[in-house]
Amino acid sequence: MNSIDMDRAQHAAVAAADAAEAVIRQHQLSDDWTIQYKADDSPVTEVDVASEKAIYQVLTEATPTAAFYGEETGYHGSAESAGATAGASAGASAGASAGASAG
């Protein structure tokens, strides 16, 4: 199993949330985004995708060996680390997506 320093992981999680918040605020201020529908007919906005990409970028820079699973973009990373980080990453993404959708 891949071990990650918990302080480093916490810092990365906070930085990822901050990055997603910045993306969401930028889109809220412009009040200009599109809504598309996924195969299951659930909505997804460009804000959802952009905030998830911001989260992914921060987390992979901080923990390059960790896997990432996002609600909108799916799985990225190595198979050995998928179980340890996928759930946490998806939770962060879902939170960011919910914030974007609620705005």
N, C-alpha and C. Protein backbone atom coordinates (compact mmCIF):
# COMPACT_ATOMS: atom_id res chain seq x y z
N MET A 1 0.84 -1.18 0.00
CA MET A 1 0.00 0.00 0.00
C MET A 1 0.89 1.24 0.00
N ASN A 2 0.45 2.24 -0.67
CA ASN A 2 1.17 3.50 -0.79
C ASN A 2 0.89 4.38 0.43
N SER A 3 1.93 4.81 1.14
CA SER A 3 1.67 5.67 2.30
C SER A 3 1.92 7.12 1.93
N ILE A 4 1.07 7.98 2.44
CA ILE A 4 1.15 9.41 2.19
C ILE A 4 1.22 10.11 3.53
N ASP A 5 2.12 11.06 3.67
CA ASP A 5 2.22 11.86 4.88
C ASP A 5 0.89 12.59 5.08
N MET A 6 0.25 12.37 6.22
CA MET A 6 -1.09 12.92 6.46
C MET A 6 -1.10 14.45 6.49
N ASP A 7 -0.04 15.08 7.02
CA ASP A 7 0.00 16.54 7.01
C ASP A 7 0.06 17.06 5.58
N ARG A 8 0.88 16.41 4.78
CA ARG A 8 0.99 16.80 3.37
C ARG A 8 -0.34 16.58 2.64
N ALA A 9 -0.98 15.47 2.94
CA ALA A 9 -2.27 15.16 2.32
C ALA A 9 -3.33 16.18 2.72
N GLN A 10 -3.34 16.57 3.99
CA GLN A 10 -4.31 17.56 4.45
C GLN A 10 -4.07 18.90 3.76
N HIS A 11 -2.82 19.30 3.67
CA HIS A 11 -2.49 20.56 2.99
C HIS A 11 -2.95 20.51 1.54
N ALA A 12 -2.71 19.38 0.87
CA ALA A 12 -3.13 19.22 -0.52
C ALA A 12 -4.64 19.28 -0.66
N ALA A 13 -5.36 18.67 0.27
CA ALA A 13 -6.82 18.68 0.22
C ALA A 13 -7.37 20.09 0.37
N VAL A 14 -6.81 20.86 1.28
CA VAL A 14 -7.25 22.24 1.48
C VAL A 14 -6.92 23.08 0.24
N ALA A 15 -5.73 22.90 -0.29
CA ALA A 15 -5.33 23.64 -1.50
C ALA A 15 -6.24 23.27 -2.68
N ALA A 16 -6.61 22.00 -2.79
CA ALA A 16 -7.49 21.56 -3.87
C ALA A 16 -8.88 22.18 -3.72
N ALA A 17 -9.38 22.22 -2.50
CA ALA A 17 -10.69 22.85 -2.26
C ALA A 17 -10.64 24.34 -2.58
N ASP A 18 -9.54 24.99 -2.22
CA ASP A 18 -9.38 26.42 -2.53
C ASP A 18 -9.34 26.65 -4.03
N ALA A 19 -8.65 25.78 -4.76
CA ALA A 19 -8.57 25.91 -6.21
C ALA A 19 -9.95 25.73 -6.85
N ALA A 20 -10.70 24.76 -6.37
CA ALA A 20 -12.05 24.54 -6.89
C ALA A 20 -12.94 25.74 -6.58
N GLU A 21 -12.81 26.27 -5.37
CA GLU A 21 -13.61 27.44 -4.99
C GLU A 21 -13.32 28.61 -5.93
N ALA A 22 -12.05 28.83 -6.26
CA ALA A 22 -11.69 29.93 -7.15
C ALA A 22 -12.33 29.75 -8.53
N VAL A 23 -12.33 28.53 -9.03
CA VAL A 23 -12.96 28.25 -10.33
C VAL A 23 -14.46 28.52 -10.25
N ILE A 24 -15.09 28.04 -9.20
CA ILE A 24 -16.54 28.21 -9.04
C ILE A 24 -16.89 29.68 -8.93
N ARG A 25 -16.15 30.44 -8.12
CA ARG A 25 -16.41 31.88 -7.98
C ARG A 25 -16.27 32.61 -9.31
N GLN A 26 -15.24 32.27 -10.07
CA GLN A 26 -15.02 32.91 -11.37
C GLN A 26 -16.23 32.69 -12.28
N HIS A 27 -16.73 31.47 -12.31
CA HIS A 27 -17.88 31.18 -13.15
C HIS A 27 -19.16 31.81 -12.62
N GLN A 28 -19.30 31.88 -11.30
CA GLN A 28 -20.48 32.52 -10.73
C GLN A 28 -20.52 34.00 -11.09
N LEU A 29 -19.38 34.65 -11.04
CA LEU A 29 -19.32 36.07 -11.36
C LEU A 29 -19.66 36.33 -12.82
N SER A 30 -19.25 35.44 -13.70
CA SER A 30 -19.53 35.63 -15.12
C SER A 30 -20.97 35.27 -15.46
N ASP A 31 -21.57 34.41 -14.64
CA ASP A 31 -22.94 33.95 -14.84
C ASP A 31 -23.15 33.45 -16.27
N ASP A 32 -22.12 32.81 -16.81
CA ASP A 32 -22.17 32.35 -18.19
C ASP A 32 -21.55 30.95 -18.27
N TRP A 33 -22.39 29.92 -18.20
CA TRP A 33 -21.90 28.56 -18.37
C TRP A 33 -22.99 27.70 -18.98
N THR A 34 -22.57 26.60 -19.51
CA THR A 34 -23.51 25.70 -20.19
C THR A 34 -23.78 24.46 -19.34
N ILE A 35 -24.92 23.89 -19.58
CA ILE A 35 -25.30 22.64 -18.94
C ILE A 35 -25.44 21.59 -20.03
N GLN A 36 -24.80 20.45 -19.81
CA GLN A 36 -24.94 19.31 -20.71
C GLN A 36 -25.51 18.15 -19.89
N TYR A 37 -25.89 17.11 -20.56
CA TYR A 37 -26.44 15.94 -19.87
C TYR A 37 -25.60 14.72 -20.19
N LYS A 38 -25.31 13.97 -19.14
CA LYS A 38 -24.53 12.73 -19.28
C LYS A 38 -25.42 11.62 -19.80
N ALA A 39 -24.84 10.47 -20.05
CA ALA A 39 -25.57 9.32 -20.58
C ALA A 39 -26.74 8.93 -19.69
N ASP A 40 -26.60 9.17 -18.37
CA ASP A 40 -27.69 8.81 -17.45
C ASP A 40 -28.68 9.96 -17.25
N ASP A 41 -28.60 10.98 -18.09
CA ASP A 41 -29.47 12.16 -18.07
C ASP A 41 -29.26 13.07 -16.86
N SER A 42 -28.18 12.87 -16.13
CA SER A 42 -27.88 13.80 -15.04
C SER A 42 -27.12 14.99 -15.61
N PRO A 43 -27.39 16.19 -15.07
CA PRO A 43 -26.75 17.38 -15.61
C PRO A 43 -25.29 17.51 -15.18
N VAL A 44 -24.50 18.13 -16.03
CA VAL A 44 -23.12 18.46 -15.70
C VAL A 44 -22.83 19.81 -16.36
N THR A 45 -22.27 20.72 -15.58
CA THR A 45 -21.92 22.02 -16.14
C THR A 45 -20.42 22.08 -16.42
N GLU A 46 -20.03 23.05 -17.22
CA GLU A 46 -18.61 23.25 -17.46
C GLU A 46 -17.91 23.65 -16.16
N VAL A 47 -18.67 24.19 -15.21
CA VAL A 47 -18.11 24.54 -13.89
C VAL A 47 -17.76 23.27 -13.13
N ASP A 48 -18.61 22.26 -13.21
CA ASP A 48 -18.32 20.97 -12.57
C ASP A 48 -17.00 20.40 -13.09
N VAL A 49 -16.86 20.38 -14.40
CA VAL A 49 -15.67 19.81 -15.01
C VAL A 49 -14.43 20.65 -14.68
N ALA A 50 -14.55 21.96 -14.78
CA ALA A 50 -13.40 22.84 -14.51
C ALA A 50 -12.96 22.76 -13.05
N SER A 51 -13.90 22.69 -12.13
CA SER A 51 -13.52 22.61 -10.71
C SER A 51 -12.88 21.26 -10.41
N GLU A 52 -13.38 20.20 -11.04
CA GLU A 52 -12.77 18.89 -10.86
C GLU A 52 -11.35 18.86 -11.42
N LYS A 53 -11.14 19.49 -12.55
CA LYS A 53 -9.79 19.55 -13.13
C LYS A 53 -8.84 20.32 -12.22
N ALA A 54 -9.34 21.39 -11.58
CA ALA A 54 -8.51 22.16 -10.65
C ALA A 54 -8.12 21.30 -9.45
N ILE A 55 -9.07 20.53 -8.93
CA ILE A 55 -8.80 19.62 -7.82
C ILE A 55 -7.76 18.59 -8.24
N TYR A 56 -7.96 17.99 -9.40
CA TYR A 56 -7.04 16.97 -9.92
C TYR A 56 -5.62 17.53 -10.05
N GLN A 57 -5.50 18.72 -10.60
CA GLN A 57 -4.17 19.31 -10.81
C GLN A 57 -3.44 19.51 -9.48
N VAL A 58 -4.13 20.06 -8.50
CA VAL A 58 -3.49 20.30 -7.19
C VAL A 58 -3.12 18.99 -6.52
N LEU A 59 -4.03 18.02 -6.51
CA LEU A 59 -3.76 16.76 -5.83
C LEU A 59 -2.65 15.96 -6.50
N THR A 60 -2.61 15.96 -7.82
CA THR A 60 -1.56 15.19 -8.49
C THR A 60 -0.20 15.86 -8.39
N GLU A 61 -0.18 17.18 -8.27
CA GLU A 61 1.11 17.86 -8.04
C GLU A 61 1.63 17.54 -6.64
N ALA A 62 0.73 17.49 -5.67
CA ALA A 62 1.13 17.24 -4.28
C ALA A 62 1.42 15.76 -4.02
N THR A 63 0.69 14.88 -4.67
CA THR A 63 0.83 13.44 -4.46
C THR A 63 0.84 12.73 -5.81
N PRO A 64 1.95 12.82 -6.54
CA PRO A 64 1.98 12.30 -7.91
C PRO A 64 1.76 10.79 -8.04
N THR A 65 1.97 10.02 -6.98
CA THR A 65 1.75 8.58 -7.08
C THR A 65 0.33 8.15 -6.71
N ALA A 66 -0.47 9.09 -6.26
CA ALA A 66 -1.84 8.78 -5.85
C ALA A 66 -2.76 8.73 -7.07
N ALA A 67 -3.77 7.91 -6.98
CA ALA A 67 -4.79 7.84 -8.02
C ALA A 67 -5.85 8.89 -7.76
N PHE A 68 -6.65 9.15 -8.77
CA PHE A 68 -7.72 10.14 -8.66
C PHE A 68 -8.93 9.59 -9.40
N TYR A 69 -10.08 9.69 -8.76
CA TYR A 69 -11.32 9.32 -9.43
C TYR A 69 -12.29 10.49 -9.29
N GLY A 70 -12.62 11.09 -10.40
CA GLY A 70 -13.53 12.23 -10.37
C GLY A 70 -14.88 11.86 -10.94
N GLU A 71 -15.91 12.47 -10.42
CA GLU A 71 -17.26 12.20 -10.87
C GLU A 71 -17.44 12.49 -12.36
N GLU A 72 -16.79 13.55 -12.84
CA GLU A 72 -16.98 13.96 -14.23
C GLU A 72 -15.92 13.39 -15.18
N THR A 73 -14.68 13.26 -14.73
CA THR A 73 -13.61 12.85 -15.64
C THR A 73 -13.15 11.41 -15.44
N GLY A 74 -13.63 10.75 -14.40
CA GLY A 74 -13.30 9.36 -14.19
C GLY A 74 -11.98 9.13 -13.49
N TYR A 75 -11.39 7.97 -13.78
CA TYR A 75 -10.21 7.48 -13.08
C TYR A 75 -8.92 7.91 -13.76
N HIS A 76 -7.96 8.34 -12.94
CA HIS A 76 -6.61 8.67 -13.39
C HIS A 76 -5.64 8.13 -12.35
N GLY A 77 -4.59 7.49 -12.76
CA GLY A 77 -3.58 7.07 -11.80
C GLY A 77 -3.20 5.62 -11.91
N SER A 78 -2.37 5.20 -10.95
CA SER A 78 -1.86 3.83 -10.95
C SER A 78 -2.83 2.89 -10.25
N ALA A 79 -2.86 1.67 -10.69
CA ALA A 79 -3.78 0.68 -10.13
C ALA A 79 -3.50 0.40 -8.67
N GLU A 80 -2.23 0.40 -8.26
CA GLU A 80 -1.91 0.07 -6.88
C GLU A 80 -2.39 1.12 -5.88
N SER A 81 -2.55 2.35 -6.32
CA SER A 81 -2.98 3.39 -5.38
C SER A 81 -4.47 3.70 -5.49
N ALA A 82 -5.17 3.07 -6.39
CA ALA A 82 -6.57 3.40 -6.64
C ALA A 82 -7.45 3.24 -5.41
N GLY A 83 -7.31 2.18 -4.68
CA GLY A 83 -8.16 1.96 -3.52
C GLY A 83 -7.93 2.96 -2.41
N ALA A 84 -6.71 3.42 -2.25
CA ALA A 84 -6.39 4.32 -1.14
C ALA A 84 -6.85 5.74 -1.37
N THR A 85 -6.89 6.20 -2.61
CA THR A 85 -7.17 7.61 -2.82
C THR A 85 -8.42 7.90 -3.63
N ALA A 86 -8.95 6.93 -4.32
CA ALA A 86 -10.08 7.21 -5.21
C ALA A 86 -11.29 7.73 -4.45
N GLY A 87 -11.62 7.13 -3.35
CA GLY A 87 -12.79 7.58 -2.60
C GLY A 87 -12.64 8.99 -2.08
N ALA A 88 -11.48 9.31 -1.55
CA ALA A 88 -11.26 10.66 -1.02
C ALA A 88 -11.31 11.69 -2.13
N SER A 89 -10.73 11.38 -3.26
CA SER A 89 -10.72 12.31 -4.37
C SER A 89 -12.13 12.53 -4.92
N ALA A 90 -12.88 11.46 -5.02
CA ALA A 90 -14.24 11.58 -5.53
C ALA A 90 -15.09 12.41 -4.58
N GLY A 91 -14.87 12.24 -3.29
CA GLY A 91 -15.60 13.04 -2.31
C GLY A 91 -15.30 14.51 -2.45
N ALA A 92 -14.05 14.84 -2.65
CA ALA A 92 -13.66 16.24 -2.83
C ALA A 92 -14.29 16.79 -4.10
N SER A 93 -14.29 15.98 -5.15
CA SER A 93 -14.87 16.42 -6.41
C SER A 93 -16.37 16.61 -6.28
N ALA A 94 -17.02 15.69 -5.61
CA ALA A 94 -18.47 15.80 -5.44
C ALA A 94 -18.82 17.06 -4.67
N GLY A 95 -18.01 17.39 -3.68
CA GLY A 95 -18.25 18.60 -2.90
C GLY A 95 -18.11 19.84 -3.76
N ALA A 96 -17.09 19.87 -4.58
CA ALA A 96 -16.88 21.00 -5.47
C ALA A 96 -18.00 21.09 -6.49
N SER A 97 -18.41 19.95 -7.02
CA SER A 97 -19.49 19.95 -8.00
C SER A 97 -20.79 20.42 -7.39
N ALA A 98 -21.05 20.00 -6.17
CA ALA A 98 -22.27 20.42 -5.49
C ALA A 98 -22.26 21.92 -5.28
N GLY A 99 -21.09 22.45 -4.93
CA GLY A 99 -20.99 23.89 -4.74
C GLY A 99 -21.24 24.65 -6.02
N ALA A 100 -20.74 24.14 -7.12
CA ALA A 100 -20.92 24.80 -8.40
C ALA A 100 -22.39 24.73 -8.82
N SER A 101 -23.02 23.61 -8.60
CA SER A 101 -24.40 23.44 -9.00
C SER A 101 -25.36 24.23 -8.13
N ALA A 102 -24.98 24.40 -6.86
CA ALA A 102 -25.86 25.10 -5.93
C ALA A 102 -25.84 26.59 -6.13
N GLY A 103 -24.77 27.11 -6.75
CA GLY A 103 -24.57 28.54 -6.92
C GLY A 103 -25.62 29.17 -7.73
